[in-house]
Amino acid sequence: MSERDYKEAIKDLVKRDKRYTEEAYNFVSEAVNYTVAKLDAHRHVSALELLKGARELAYSQYGVVSGLVLNKWGLRRANDLGNVVYLLIGENILSASNDDRPEDFDIEFSFEPLASKTNKK
């Protein structure tokens, strides 16, 4: 998909589903690439791996306010990220394996950054 087609697809998604901002779609797409790039070998990532990768990426970009930033974009819960993933799959921006299901994202998960181990006593 060309960059122009990608941008148009994202704009169409934002028009059709106002729960998530353009930034949310771009971030989730980036989070998938970030998470896959961290793997030892190119393979499918689980919902939990993607959620953890998204949290890490958000923290690296926005620091301690990363949870607030994601929240502002509509990414409040794990299933919000899953909804965006499946909307991007519907636009052929992302792909899924036959074993993937939207329900994989129906878990308790916080996008708030984890406390640093160095801050623990």
PDB file of N, CA and C in Angstrom:
ATOM      1  N   MET A   1       0.847  -1.170   0.000  1.00  0.00           N
ATOM      2  CA  MET A   1       0.000   0.000   0.000  1.00  0.00           C
ATOM      3  C   MET A   1       0.894   1.235   0.000  1.00  0.00           C
ATOM      4  N   SER A   2       0.576   2.164  -0.866  1.00  0.00           N
ATOM      5  CA  SER A   2       1.369   3.398  -0.932  1.00  0.00           C
ATOM      6  C   SER A   2       1.074   4.276   0.281  1.00  0.00           C
ATOM      7  N   GLU A   3       1.965   5.211   0.533  1.00  0.00           N
ATOM      8  CA  GLU A   3       1.779   6.150   1.646  1.00  0.00           C
ATOM      9  C   GLU A   3       0.485   6.946   1.471  1.00  0.00           C
ATOM     10  N   ARG A   4       0.214   7.329   0.259  1.00  0.00           N
ATOM     11  CA  ARG A   4      -1.019   8.096  -0.018  1.00  0.00           C
ATOM     12  C   ARG A   4      -2.253   7.244   0.259  1.00  0.00           C
ATOM     13  N   ASP A   5      -2.243   5.998  -0.206  1.00  0.00           N
ATOM     14  CA  ASP A   5      -3.376   5.100   0.047  1.00  0.00           C
ATOM     15  C   ASP A   5      -3.549   4.853   1.541  1.00  0.00           C
ATOM     16  N   TYR A   6      -2.434   4.708   2.247  1.00  0.00           N
ATOM     17  CA  TYR A   6      -2.482   4.516   3.692  1.00  0.00           C
ATOM     18  C   TYR A   6      -3.161   5.714   4.361  1.00  0.00           C
ATOM     19  N   LYS A   7      -2.723   6.918   4.025  1.00  0.00           N
ATOM     20  CA  LYS A   7      -3.285   8.121   4.629  1.00  0.00           C
ATOM     21  C   LYS A   7      -4.770   8.255   4.330  1.00  0.00           C
ATOM     22  N   GLU A   8      -5.169   7.934   3.117  1.00  0.00           N
ATOM     23  CA  GLU A   8      -6.586   7.998   2.752  1.00  0.00           C
ATOM     24  C   GLU A   8      -7.396   6.956   3.522  1.00  0.00           C
ATOM     25  N   ALA A   9      -6.843   5.758   3.663  1.00  0.00           N
ATOM     26  CA  ALA A   9      -7.536   4.711   4.418  1.00  0.00           C
ATOM     27  C   ALA A   9      -7.724   5.128   5.866  1.00  0.00           C
ATOM     28  N   ILE A  10      -6.718   5.742   6.458  1.00  0.00           N
ATOM     29  CA  ILE A  10      -6.811   6.201   7.846  1.00  0.00           C
ATOM     30  C   ILE A  10      -7.863   7.306   7.968  1.00  0.00           C
ATOM     31  N   LYS A  11      -7.865   8.236   7.052  1.00  0.00           N
ATOM     32  CA  LYS A  11      -8.869   9.310   7.082  1.00  0.00           C
ATOM     33  C   LYS A  11     -10.280   8.737   6.964  1.00  0.00           C
ATOM     34  N   ASP A  12     -10.452   7.740   6.116  1.00  0.00           N
ATOM     35  CA  ASP A  12     -11.761   7.091   5.975  1.00  0.00           C
ATOM     36  C   ASP A  12     -12.166   6.391   7.269  1.00  0.00           C
ATOM     37  N   LEU A  13     -11.209   5.719   7.920  1.00  0.00           N
ATOM     38  CA  LEU A  13     -11.505   5.051   9.188  1.00  0.00           C
ATOM     39  C   LEU A  13     -11.955   6.056  10.246  1.00  0.00           C
ATOM     40  N   VAL A  14     -11.271   7.192  10.318  1.00  0.00           N
ATOM     41  CA  VAL A  14     -11.614   8.216  11.304  1.00  0.00           C
ATOM     42  C   VAL A  14     -13.016   8.759  11.042  1.00  0.00           C
ATOM     43  N   LYS A  15     -13.370   8.908   9.786  1.00  0.00           N
ATOM     44  CA  LYS A  15     -14.711   9.384   9.441  1.00  0.00           C
ATOM     45  C   LYS A  15     -15.783   8.362   9.819  1.00  0.00           C
ATOM     46  N   ARG A  16     -15.495   7.087   9.605  1.00  0.00           N
ATOM     47  CA  ARG A  16     -16.475   6.022   9.868  1.00  0.00           C
ATOM     48  C   ARG A  16     -16.584   5.677  11.344  1.00  0.00           C
ATOM     49  N   ASP A  17     -15.487   5.758  12.066  1.00  0.00           N
ATOM     50  CA  ASP A  17     -15.473   5.353  13.467  1.00  0.00           C
ATOM     51  C   ASP A  17     -14.800   6.446  14.278  1.00  0.00           C
ATOM     52  N   LYS A  18     -15.609   7.263  14.897  1.00  0.00           N
ATOM     53  CA  LYS A  18     -15.099   8.447  15.596  1.00  0.00           C
ATOM     54  C   LYS A  18     -14.545   8.149  16.989  1.00  0.00           C
ATOM     55  N   ARG A  19     -14.524   6.868  17.387  1.00  0.00           N
ATOM     56  CA  ARG A  19     -13.972   6.529  18.708  1.00  0.00           C
ATOM     57  C   ARG A  19     -12.474   6.777  18.774  1.00  0.00           C
ATOM     58  N   TYR A  20     -11.803   6.669  17.632  1.00  0.00           N
ATOM     59  CA  TYR A  20     -10.338   6.722  17.617  1.00  0.00           C
ATOM     60  C   TYR A  20      -9.860   7.810  16.668  1.00  0.00           C
ATOM     61  N   THR A  21      -8.775   8.460  17.057  1.00  0.00           N
ATOM     62  CA  THR A  21      -8.210   9.537  16.246  1.00  0.00           C
ATOM     63  C   THR A  21      -7.243   8.967  15.203  1.00  0.00           C
ATOM     64  N   GLU A  22      -6.866   9.827  14.288  1.00  0.00           N
ATOM     65  CA  GLU A  22      -5.856   9.460  13.293  1.00  0.00           C
ATOM     66  C   GLU A  22      -4.564   9.033  13.980  1.00  0.00           C
ATOM     67  N   GLU A  23      -4.224   9.716  15.062  1.00  0.00           N
ATOM     68  CA  GLU A  23      -3.017   9.382  15.818  1.00  0.00           C
ATOM     69  C   GLU A  23      -3.091   7.961  16.378  1.00  0.00           C
ATOM     70  N   ALA A  24      -4.279   7.545  16.806  1.00  0.00           N
ATOM     71  CA  ALA A  24      -4.441   6.189  17.343  1.00  0.00           C
ATOM     72  C   ALA A  24      -4.132   5.148  16.273  1.00  0.00           C
ATOM     73  N   TYR A  25      -4.672   5.337  15.087  1.00  0.00           N
ATOM     74  CA  TYR A  25      -4.418   4.376  14.005  1.00  0.00           C
ATOM     75  C   TYR A  25      -2.941   4.346  13.636  1.00  0.00           C
ATOM     76  N   ASN A  26      -2.342   5.527  13.536  1.00  0.00           N
ATOM     77  CA  ASN A  26      -0.921   5.589  13.202  1.00  0.00           C
ATOM     78  C   ASN A  26      -0.069   4.950  14.298  1.00  0.00           C
ATOM     79  N   PHE A  27      -0.425   5.222  15.555  1.00  0.00           N
ATOM     80  CA  PHE A  27       0.329   4.656  16.657  1.00  0.00           C
ATOM     81  C   PHE A  27       0.229   3.132  16.679  1.00  0.00           C
ATOM     82  N   VAL A  28      -0.953   2.589  16.500  1.00  0.00           N
ATOM     83  CA  VAL A  28      -1.112   1.127  16.529  1.00  0.00           C
ATOM     84  C   VAL A  28      -0.329   0.489  15.392  1.00  0.00           C
ATOM     85  N   SER A  29      -0.380   1.089  14.225  1.00  0.00           N
ATOM     86  CA  SER A  29       0.404   0.573  13.105  1.00  0.00           C
ATOM     87  C   SER A  29       1.895   0.596  13.432  1.00  0.00           C
ATOM     88  N   GLU A  30       2.340   1.683  14.030  1.00  0.00           N
ATOM     89  CA  GLU A  30       3.746   1.800  14.438  1.00  0.00           C
ATOM     90  C   GLU A  30       4.077   0.797  15.544  1.00  0.00           C
ATOM     91  N   ALA A  31       3.148   0.591  16.471  1.00  0.00           N
ATOM     92  CA  ALA A  31       3.369  -0.344  17.577  1.00  0.00           C
ATOM     93  C   ALA A  31       3.525  -1.777  17.066  1.00  0.00           C
ATOM     94  N   VAL A  32       2.782  -2.131  16.029  1.00  0.00           N
ATOM     95  CA  VAL A  32       2.937  -3.462  15.435  1.00  0.00           C
ATOM     96  C   VAL A  32       4.344  -3.601  14.871  1.00  0.00           C
ATOM     97  N   ASN A  33       4.774  -2.629  14.098  1.00  0.00           N
ATOM     98  CA  ASN A  33       6.126  -2.675  13.527  1.00  0.00           C
ATOM     99  C   ASN A  33       7.193  -2.699  14.612  1.00  0.00           C
ATOM    100  N   TYR A  34       7.015  -1.899  15.635  1.00  0.00           N
ATOM    101  CA  TYR A  34       7.958  -1.848  16.759  1.00  0.00           C
ATOM    102  C   TYR A  34       8.052  -3.203  17.446  1.00  0.00           C
ATOM    103  N   THR A  35       6.909  -3.806  17.717  1.00  0.00           N
ATOM    104  CA  THR A  35       6.871  -5.085  18.436  1.00  0.00           C
ATOM    105  C   THR A  35       7.489  -6.197  17.602  1.00  0.00           C
ATOM    106  N   VAL A  36       7.163  -6.245  16.321  1.00  0.00           N
ATOM    107  CA  VAL A  36       7.728  -7.270  15.437  1.00  0.00           C
ATOM    108  C   VAL A  36       9.242  -7.096  15.328  1.00  0.00           C
ATOM    109  N   ALA A  37       9.699  -5.857  15.255  1.00  0.00           N
ATOM    110  CA  ALA A  37      11.139  -5.596  15.111  1.00  0.00           C
ATOM    111  C   ALA A  37      11.931  -6.048  16.336  1.00  0.00           C
ATOM    112  N   LYS A  38      11.293  -6.124  17.494  1.00  0.00           N
ATOM    113  CA  LYS A  38      11.982  -6.539  18.714  1.00  0.00           C
ATOM    114  C   LYS A  38      12.145  -8.053  18.815  1.00  0.00           C
ATOM    115  N   LEU A  39      11.464  -8.802  17.976  1.00  0.00           N
ATOM    116  CA  LEU A  39      11.518 -10.262  18.035  1.00  0.00           C
ATOM    117  C   LEU A  39      12.832 -10.776  17.471  1.00  0.00           C
ATOM    118  N   ASP A  40      13.238 -11.949  17.940  1.00  0.00           N
ATOM    119  CA  ASP A  40      14.448 -12.586  17.424  1.00  0.00           C
ATOM    120  C   ASP A  40      14.272 -13.021  15.975  1.00  0.00           C
ATOM    121  N   ALA A  41      13.055 -13.448  15.636  1.00  0.00           N
ATOM    122  CA  ALA A  41      12.753 -13.872  14.264  1.00  0.00           C
ATOM    123  C   ALA A  41      11.398 -13.295  13.879  1.00  0.00           C
ATOM    124  N   HIS A  42      11.220 -13.033  12.587  1.00  0.00           N
ATOM    125  CA  HIS A  42       9.949 -12.487  12.113  1.00  0.00           C
ATOM    126  C   HIS A  42       8.862 -13.541  12.295  1.00  0.00           C
ATOM    127  N   ARG A  43       7.865 -13.198  13.094  1.00  0.00           N
ATOM    128  CA  ARG A  43       6.750 -14.104  13.333  1.00  0.00           C
ATOM    129  C   ARG A  43       5.541 -13.297  13.775  1.00  0.00           C
ATOM    130  N   HIS A  44       4.455 -13.997  13.893  1.00  0.00           N
ATOM    131  CA  HIS A  44       3.223 -13.400  14.374  1.00  0.00           C
ATOM    132  C   HIS A  44       3.380 -12.997  15.840  1.00  0.00           C
ATOM    133  N   VAL A  45       2.746 -11.910  16.262  1.00  0.00           N
ATOM    134  CA  VAL A  45       2.765 -11.522  17.670  1.00  0.00           C
ATOM    135  C   VAL A  45       1.382 -11.724  18.270  1.00  0.00           C
ATOM    136  N   SER A  46       1.360 -12.096  19.520  1.00  0.00           N
ATOM    137  CA  SER A  46       0.097 -12.283  20.228  1.00  0.00           C
ATOM    138  C   SER A  46      -0.472 -10.927  20.637  1.00  0.00           C
ATOM    139  N   ALA A  47      -1.721 -10.939  21.040  1.00  0.00           N
ATOM    140  CA  ALA A  47      -2.347  -9.715  21.528  1.00  0.00           C
ATOM    141  C   ALA A  47      -1.573  -9.156  22.716  1.00  0.00           C
ATOM    142  N   LEU A  48      -1.204 -10.009  23.651  1.00  0.00           N
ATOM    143  CA  LEU A  48      -0.480  -9.546  24.830  1.00  0.00           C
ATOM    144  C   LEU A  48       0.894  -8.979  24.460  1.00  0.00           C
ATOM    145  N   GLU A  49       1.589  -9.620  23.537  1.00  0.00           N
ATOM    146  CA  GLU A  49       2.882  -9.093  23.091  1.00  0.00           C
ATOM    147  C   GLU A  49       2.707  -7.709  22.467  1.00  0.00           C
ATOM    148  N   LEU A  50       1.659  -7.546  21.663  1.00  0.00           N
ATOM    149  CA  LEU A  50       1.410  -6.254  21.025  1.00  0.00           C
ATOM    150  C   LEU A  50       1.056  -5.197  22.068  1.00  0.00           C
ATOM    151  N   LEU A  51       0.233  -5.557  23.029  1.00  0.00           N
ATOM    152  CA  LEU A  51      -0.126  -4.608  24.081  1.00  0.00           C
ATOM    153  C   LEU A  51       1.103  -4.147  24.849  1.00  0.00           C
ATOM    154  N   LYS A  52       1.965  -5.090  25.203  1.00  0.00           N
ATOM    155  CA  LYS A  52       3.194  -4.741  25.920  1.00  0.00           C
ATOM    156  C   LYS A  52       4.106  -3.882  25.053  1.00  0.00           C
ATOM    157  N   GLY A  53       4.219  -4.213  23.779  1.00  0.00           N
ATOM    158  CA  GLY A  53       5.025  -3.419  22.861  1.00  0.00           C
ATOM    159  C   GLY A  53       4.468  -2.016  22.698  1.00  0.00           C
ATOM    160  N   ALA A  54       3.147  -1.906  22.621  1.00  0.00           N
ATOM    161  CA  ALA A  54       2.514  -0.588  22.491  1.00  0.00           C
ATOM    162  C   ALA A  54       2.768   0.255  23.734  1.00  0.00           C
ATOM    163  N   ARG A  55       2.657  -0.351  24.905  1.00  0.00           N
ATOM    164  CA  ARG A  55       2.913   0.380  26.147  1.00  0.00           C
ATOM    165  C   ARG A  55       4.363   0.863  26.189  1.00  0.00           C
ATOM    166  N   GLU A  56       5.287  -0.005  25.803  1.00  0.00           N
ATOM    167  CA  GLU A  56       6.707   0.350  25.801  1.00  0.00           C
ATOM    168  C   GLU A  56       6.990   1.473  24.808  1.00  0.00           C
ATOM    169  N   LEU A  57       6.429   1.361  23.617  1.00  0.00           N
ATOM    170  CA  LEU A  57       6.631   2.396  22.600  1.00  0.00           C
ATOM    171  C   LEU A  57       6.045   3.721  23.065  1.00  0.00           C
ATOM    172  N   ALA A  58       4.851   3.680  23.615  1.00  0.00           N
ATOM    173  CA  ALA A  58       4.218   4.914  24.095  1.00  0.00           C
ATOM    174  C   ALA A  58       5.077   5.570  25.168  1.00  0.00           C
ATOM    175  N   TYR A  59       5.583   4.761  26.089  1.00  0.00           N
ATOM    176  CA  TYR A  59       6.421   5.311  27.149  1.00  0.00           C
ATOM    177  C   TYR A  59       7.709   5.913  26.576  1.00  0.00           C
ATOM    178  N   SER A  60       8.287   5.241  25.595  1.00  0.00           N
ATOM    179  CA  SER A  60       9.530   5.763  25.010  1.00  0.00           C
ATOM    180  C   SER A  60       9.295   7.080  24.277  1.00  0.00           C
ATOM    181  N   GLN A  61       8.076   7.274  23.761  1.00  0.00           N
ATOM    182  CA  GLN A  61       7.779   8.503  23.025  1.00  0.00           C
ATOM    183  C   GLN A  61       7.228   9.618  23.908  1.00  0.00           C
ATOM    184  N   TYR A  62       6.447   9.257  24.930  1.00  0.00           N
ATOM    185  CA  TYR A  62       5.722  10.274  25.701  1.00  0.00           C
ATOM    186  C   TYR A  62       6.007  10.253  27.202  1.00  0.00           C
ATOM    187  N   GLY A  63       6.847   9.333  27.634  1.00  0.00           N
ATOM    188  CA  GLY A  63       7.230   9.284  29.039  1.00  0.00           C
ATOM    189  C   GLY A  63       6.059   9.008  29.964  1.00  0.00           C
ATOM    190  N   VAL A  64       6.095   9.633  31.136  1.00  0.00           N
ATOM    191  CA  VAL A  64       5.122   9.328  32.177  1.00  0.00           C
ATOM    192  C   VAL A  64       3.689   9.725  31.804  1.00  0.00           C
ATOM    193  N   VAL A  65       3.511  10.551  30.809  1.00  0.00           N
ATOM    194  CA  VAL A  65       2.155  10.928  30.382  1.00  0.00           C
ATOM    195  C   VAL A  65       1.648  10.056  29.235  1.00  0.00           C
ATOM    196  N   SER A  66       2.357   8.991  28.926  1.00  0.00           N
ATOM    197  CA  SER A  66       1.979   8.152  27.784  1.00  0.00           C
ATOM    198  C   SER A  66       0.559   7.609  27.899  1.00  0.00           C
ATOM    199  N   GLY A  67       0.156   7.203  29.095  1.00  0.00           N
ATOM    200  CA  GLY A  67      -1.213   6.703  29.270  1.00  0.00           C
ATOM    201  C   GLY A  67      -2.248   7.768  28.955  1.00  0.00           C
ATOM    202  N   LEU A  68      -1.969   9.002  29.356  1.00  0.00           N
ATOM    203  CA  LEU A  68      -2.883  10.113  29.066  1.00  0.00           C
ATOM    204  C   LEU A  68      -2.965  10.391  27.570  1.00  0.00           C
ATOM    205  N   VAL A  69      -1.838  10.306  26.891  1.00  0.00           N
ATOM    206  CA  VAL A  69      -1.809  10.538  25.438  1.00  0.00           C
ATOM    207  C   VAL A  69      -2.655   9.484  24.727  1.00  0.00           C
ATOM    208  N   LEU A  70      -2.438   8.205  25.058  1.00  0.00           N
ATOM    209  CA  LEU A  70      -3.211   7.141  24.426  1.00  0.00           C
ATOM    210  C   LEU A  70      -4.692   7.307  24.729  1.00  0.00           C
ATOM    211  N   ASN A  71      -5.012   7.669  25.946  1.00  0.00           N
ATOM    212  CA  ASN A  71      -6.396   7.882  26.345  1.00  0.00           C
ATOM    213  C   ASN A  71      -7.045   8.971  25.494  1.00  0.00           C
ATOM    214  N   LYS A  72      -6.317  10.052  25.272  1.00  0.00           N
ATOM    215  CA  LYS A  72      -6.822  11.165  24.456  1.00  0.00           C
ATOM    216  C   LYS A  72      -7.153  10.706  23.030  1.00  0.00           C
ATOM    217  N   TRP A  73      -6.415   9.744  22.531  1.00  0.00           N
ATOM    218  CA  TRP A  73      -6.631   9.223  21.183  1.00  0.00           C
ATOM    219  C   TRP A  73      -7.746   8.177  21.127  1.00  0.00           C
ATOM    220  N   GLY A  74      -8.271   7.788  22.293  1.00  0.00           N
ATOM    221  CA  GLY A  74      -9.322   6.782  22.342  1.00  0.00           C
ATOM    222  C   GLY A  74      -8.843   5.404  22.737  1.00  0.00           C
ATOM    223  N   LEU A  75      -7.559   5.267  22.995  1.00  0.00           N
ATOM    224  CA  LEU A  75      -6.981   3.975  23.380  1.00  0.00           C
ATOM    225  C   LEU A  75      -6.944   3.891  24.905  1.00  0.00           C
ATOM    226  N   ARG A  76      -8.067   3.469  25.486  1.00  0.00           N
ATOM    227  CA  ARG A  76      -8.205   3.438  26.945  1.00  0.00           C
ATOM    228  C   ARG A  76      -8.007   2.040  27.529  1.00  0.00           C
ATOM    229  N   ARG A  77      -8.428   1.043  26.782  1.00  0.00           N
ATOM    230  CA  ARG A  77      -8.379  -0.343  27.254  1.00  0.00           C
ATOM    231  C   ARG A  77      -7.740  -1.220  26.163  1.00  0.00           C
ATOM    232  N   ALA A  78      -7.423  -2.430  26.558  1.00  0.00           N
ATOM    233  CA  ALA A  78      -6.820  -3.375  25.615  1.00  0.00           C
ATOM    234  C   ALA A  78      -7.717  -3.595  24.404  1.00  0.00           C
ATOM    235  N   ASN A  79      -9.033  -3.691  24.637  1.00  0.00           N
ATOM    236  CA  ASN A  79      -9.899  -3.959  23.486  1.00  0.00           C
ATOM    237  C   ASN A  79     -10.002  -2.756  22.547  1.00  0.00           C
ATOM    238  N   ASP A  80      -9.681  -1.542  23.025  1.00  0.00           N
ATOM    239  CA  ASP A  80      -9.605  -0.403  22.102  1.00  0.00           C
ATOM    240  C   ASP A  80      -8.467  -0.612  21.108  1.00  0.00           C
ATOM    241  N   LEU A  81      -7.314  -1.044  21.627  1.00  0.00           N
ATOM    242  CA  LEU A  81      -6.197  -1.318  20.730  1.00  0.00           C
ATOM    243  C   LEU A  81      -6.574  -2.451  19.773  1.00  0.00           C
ATOM    244  N   GLY A  82      -7.249  -3.470  20.284  1.00  0.00           N
ATOM    245  CA  GLY A  82      -7.712  -4.568  19.435  1.00  0.00           C
ATOM    246  C   GLY A  82      -8.692  -4.099  18.367  1.00  0.00           C
ATOM    247  N   ASN A  83      -9.603  -3.207  18.740  1.00  0.00           N
ATOM    248  CA  ASN A  83     -10.543  -2.671  17.747  1.00  0.00           C
ATOM    249  C   ASN A  83      -9.795  -1.973  16.620  1.00  0.00           C
ATOM    250  N   VAL A  84      -8.797  -1.170  16.990  1.00  0.00           N
ATOM    251  CA  VAL A  84      -8.014  -0.465  15.973  1.00  0.00           C
ATOM    252  C   VAL A  84      -7.260  -1.465  15.101  1.00  0.00           C
ATOM    253  N   VAL A  85      -6.689  -2.487  15.718  1.00  0.00           N
ATOM    254  CA  VAL A  85      -5.994  -3.523  14.942  1.00  0.00           C
ATOM    255  C   VAL A  85      -6.936  -4.121  13.905  1.00  0.00           C
ATOM    256  N   TYR A  86      -8.122  -4.484  14.320  1.00  0.00           N
ATOM    257  CA  TYR A  86      -9.043  -5.146  13.392  1.00  0.00           C
ATOM    258  C   TYR A  86      -9.639  -4.191  12.371  1.00  0.00           C
ATOM    259  N   LEU A  87      -9.755  -2.927  12.699  1.00  0.00           N
ATOM    260  CA  LEU A  87     -10.154  -1.947  11.687  1.00  0.00           C
ATOM    261  C   LEU A  87      -9.043  -1.800  10.641  1.00  0.00           C
ATOM    262  N   LEU A  88      -7.783  -1.810  11.090  1.00  0.00           N
ATOM    263  CA  LEU A  88      -6.656  -1.747  10.153  1.00  0.00           C
ATOM    264  C   LEU A  88      -6.559  -3.025   9.317  1.00  0.00           C
ATOM    265  N   ILE A  89      -6.885  -4.155   9.898  1.00  0.00           N
ATOM    266  CA  ILE A  89      -6.926  -5.409   9.137  1.00  0.00           C
ATOM    267  C   ILE A  89      -7.986  -5.315   8.049  1.00  0.00           C
ATOM    268  N   GLY A  90      -9.130  -4.741   8.396  1.00  0.00           N
ATOM    269  CA  GLY A  90     -10.205  -4.569   7.417  1.00  0.00           C
ATOM    270  C   GLY A  90      -9.826  -3.701   6.237  1.00  0.00           C
ATOM    271  N   GLU A  91      -8.857  -2.824   6.452  1.00  0.00           N
ATOM    272  CA  GLU A  91      -8.359  -1.947   5.379  1.00  0.00           C
ATOM    273  C   GLU A  91      -7.128  -2.529   4.686  1.00  0.00           C
ATOM    274  N   ASN A  92      -6.759  -3.753   5.041  1.00  0.00           N
ATOM    275  CA  ASN A  92      -5.572  -4.425   4.489  1.00  0.00           C
ATOM    276  C   ASN A  92      -4.272  -3.684   4.798  1.00  0.00           C
ATOM    277  N   ILE A  93      -4.258  -2.978   5.920  1.00  0.00           N
ATOM    278  CA  ILE A  93      -3.042  -2.315   6.378  1.00  0.00           C
ATOM    279  C   ILE A  93      -2.258  -3.277   7.254  1.00  0.00           C
ATOM    280  N   LEU A  94      -2.965  -4.035   8.070  1.00  0.00           N
ATOM    281  CA  LEU A  94      -2.378  -5.093   8.883  1.00  0.00           C
ATOM    282  C   LEU A  94      -2.977  -6.418   8.458  1.00  0.00           C
ATOM    283  N   SER A  95      -2.359  -7.508   8.918  1.00  0.00           N
ATOM    284  CA  SER A  95      -2.907  -8.831   8.621  1.00  0.00           C
ATOM    285  C   SER A  95      -3.000  -9.639   9.906  1.00  0.00           C
ATOM    286  N   ALA A  96      -3.810 -10.669   9.859  1.00  0.00           N
ATOM    287  CA  ALA A  96      -4.011 -11.539  11.023  1.00  0.00           C
ATOM    288  C   ALA A  96      -3.816 -12.982  10.593  1.00  0.00           C
ATOM    289  N   SER A  97      -3.480 -13.812  11.568  1.00  0.00           N
ATOM    290  CA  SER A  97      -3.405 -15.247  11.293  1.00  0.00           C
ATOM    291  C   SER A  97      -4.801 -15.846  11.478  1.00  0.00           C
ATOM    292  N   ASN A  98      -4.969 -17.073  11.054  1.00  0.00           N
ATOM    293  CA  ASN A  98      -6.258 -17.745  11.187  1.00  0.00           C
ATOM    294  C   ASN A  98      -6.648 -17.957  12.646  1.00  0.00           C
ATOM    295  N   ASP A  99      -5.668 -17.958  13.534  1.00  0.00           N
ATOM    296  CA  ASP A  99      -5.927 -18.172  14.958  1.00  0.00           C
ATOM    297  C   ASP A  99      -6.277 -16.886  15.703  1.00  0.00           C
ATOM    298  N   ASP A 100      -6.090 -15.731  15.075  1.00  0.00           N
ATOM    299  CA  ASP A 100      -6.356 -14.453  15.735  1.00  0.00           C
ATOM    300  C   ASP A 100      -7.853 -14.185  15.825  1.00  0.00           C
ATOM    301  N   ARG A 101      -8.222 -13.570  16.953  1.00  0.00           N
ATOM    302  CA  ARG A 101      -9.612 -13.182  17.159  1.00  0.00           C
ATOM    303  C   ARG A 101      -9.635 -11.836  17.882  1.00  0.00           C
ATOM    304  N   PRO A 102     -10.621 -11.005  17.599  1.00  0.00           N
ATOM    305  CA  PRO A 102     -10.729  -9.740  18.338  1.00  0.00           C
ATOM    306  C   PRO A 102     -10.832  -9.961  19.840  1.00  0.00           C
ATOM    307  N   GLU A 103     -11.414 -11.072  20.250  1.00  0.00           N
ATOM    308  CA  GLU A 103     -11.580 -11.373  21.672  1.00  0.00           C
ATOM    309  C   GLU A 103     -10.244 -11.564  22.388  1.00  0.00           C
ATOM    310  N   ASP A 104      -9.171 -11.774  21.634  1.00  0.00           N
ATOM    311  CA  ASP A 104      -7.845 -11.908  22.244  1.00  0.00           C
ATOM    312  C   ASP A 104      -7.465 -10.642  23.026  1.00  0.00           C
ATOM    313  N   PHE A 105      -8.091  -9.522  22.683  1.00  0.00           N
ATOM    314  CA  PHE A 105      -7.792  -8.241  23.329  1.00  0.00           C
ATOM    315  C   PHE A 105      -8.745  -7.940  24.493  1.00  0.00           C
ATOM    316  N   ASP A 106      -9.648  -8.850  24.784  1.00  0.00           N
ATOM    317  CA  ASP A 106     -10.589  -8.664  25.897  1.00  0.00           C
ATOM    318  C   ASP A 106      -9.944  -9.109  27.206  1.00  0.00           C
ATOM    319  N   ILE A 107      -8.904  -8.393  27.590  1.00  0.00           N
ATOM    320  CA  ILE A 107      -8.170  -8.714  28.815  1.00  0.00           C
ATOM    321  C   ILE A 107      -7.951  -7.424  29.602  1.00  0.00           C
ATOM    322  N   GLU A 108      -7.680  -7.583  30.878  1.00  0.00           N
ATOM    323  CA  GLU A 108      -7.309  -6.431  31.704  1.00  0.00           C
ATOM    324  C   GLU A 108      -5.865  -6.071  31.373  1.00  0.00           C
ATOM    325  N   PHE A 109      -5.650  -4.809  31.035  1.00  0.00           N
ATOM    326  CA  PHE A 109      -4.304  -4.360  30.687  1.00  0.00           C
ATOM    327  C   PHE A 109      -4.246  -2.858  30.879  1.00  0.00           C
ATOM    328  N   SER A 110      -3.180  -2.375  31.468  1.00  0.00           N
ATOM    329  CA  SER A 110      -3.004  -0.945  31.667  1.00  0.00           C
ATOM    330  C   SER A 110      -1.925  -0.412  30.728  1.00  0.00           C
ATOM    331  N   PHE A 111      -2.236   0.698  30.095  1.00  0.00           N
ATOM    332  CA  PHE A 111      -1.233   1.362  29.265  1.00  0.00           C
ATOM    333  C   PHE A 111      -0.344   2.297  30.075  1.00  0.00           C
ATOM    334  N   GLU A 112      -0.659   2.434  31.343  1.00  0.00           N
ATOM    335  CA  GLU A 112       0.190   3.259  32.202  1.00  0.00           C
ATOM    336  C   GLU A 112       1.561   2.614  32.288  1.00  0.00           C
ATOM    337  N   PRO A 113       2.621   3.425  32.265  1.00  0.00           N
ATOM    338  CA  PRO A 113       3.973   2.851  32.326  1.00  0.00           C
ATOM    339  C   PRO A 113       4.181   2.096  33.624  1.00  0.00           C
ATOM    340  N   LEU A 114       4.892   1.013  33.520  1.00  0.00           N
ATOM    341  CA  LEU A 114       5.213   0.216  34.702  1.00  0.00           C
ATOM    342  C   LEU A 114       6.226   0.961  35.550  1.00  0.00           C
ATOM    343  N   ALA A 115       6.133   0.783  36.846  1.00  0.00           N
ATOM    344  CA  ALA A 115       7.089   1.429  37.746  1.00  0.00           C
ATOM    345  C   ALA A 115       8.484   0.904  37.448  1.00  0.00           C
ATOM    346  N   SER A 116       9.424   1.786  37.446  1.00  0.00           N
ATOM    347  CA  SER A 116      10.809   1.410  37.194  1.00  0.00           C
ATOM    348  C   SER A 116      11.336   0.569  38.347  1.00  0.00           C
ATOM    349  N   LYS A 117      12.057  -0.484  38.025  1.00  0.00           N
ATOM    350  CA  LYS A 117      12.648  -1.339  39.062  1.00  0.00           C
ATOM    351  C   LYS A 117      13.651  -0.565  39.912  1.00  0.00           C
ATOM    352  N   THR A 118      14.237   0.454  39.332  1.00  0.00           N
ATOM    353  CA  THR A 118      15.221   1.220  40.086  1.00  0.00           C
ATOM    354  C   THR A 118      14.564   2.101  41.144  1.00  0.00           C
ATOM    355  N   ASN A 119      13.265   2.367  40.995  1.00  0.00           N
ATOM    356  CA  ASN A 119      12.557   3.192  41.965  1.00  0.00           C
ATOM    357  C   ASN A 119      12.028   2.384  43.123  1.00  0.00           C
ATOM    358  N   LYS A 120      12.074   1.065  43.053  1.00  0.00           N
ATOM    359  CA  LYS A 120      11.562   0.214  44.117  1.00  0.00           C
ATOM    360  C   LYS A 120      12.612   0.054  45.198  1.00  0.00           C
ATOM    361  N   LYS A 121      12.141  -0.012  46.430  1.00  0.00           N
ATOM    362  CA  LYS A 121      13.079  -0.202  47.543  1.00  0.00           C
ATOM    363  C   LYS A 121      12.977  -1.596  48.064  1.00  0.00           C
TER     364      LYS A 121
END
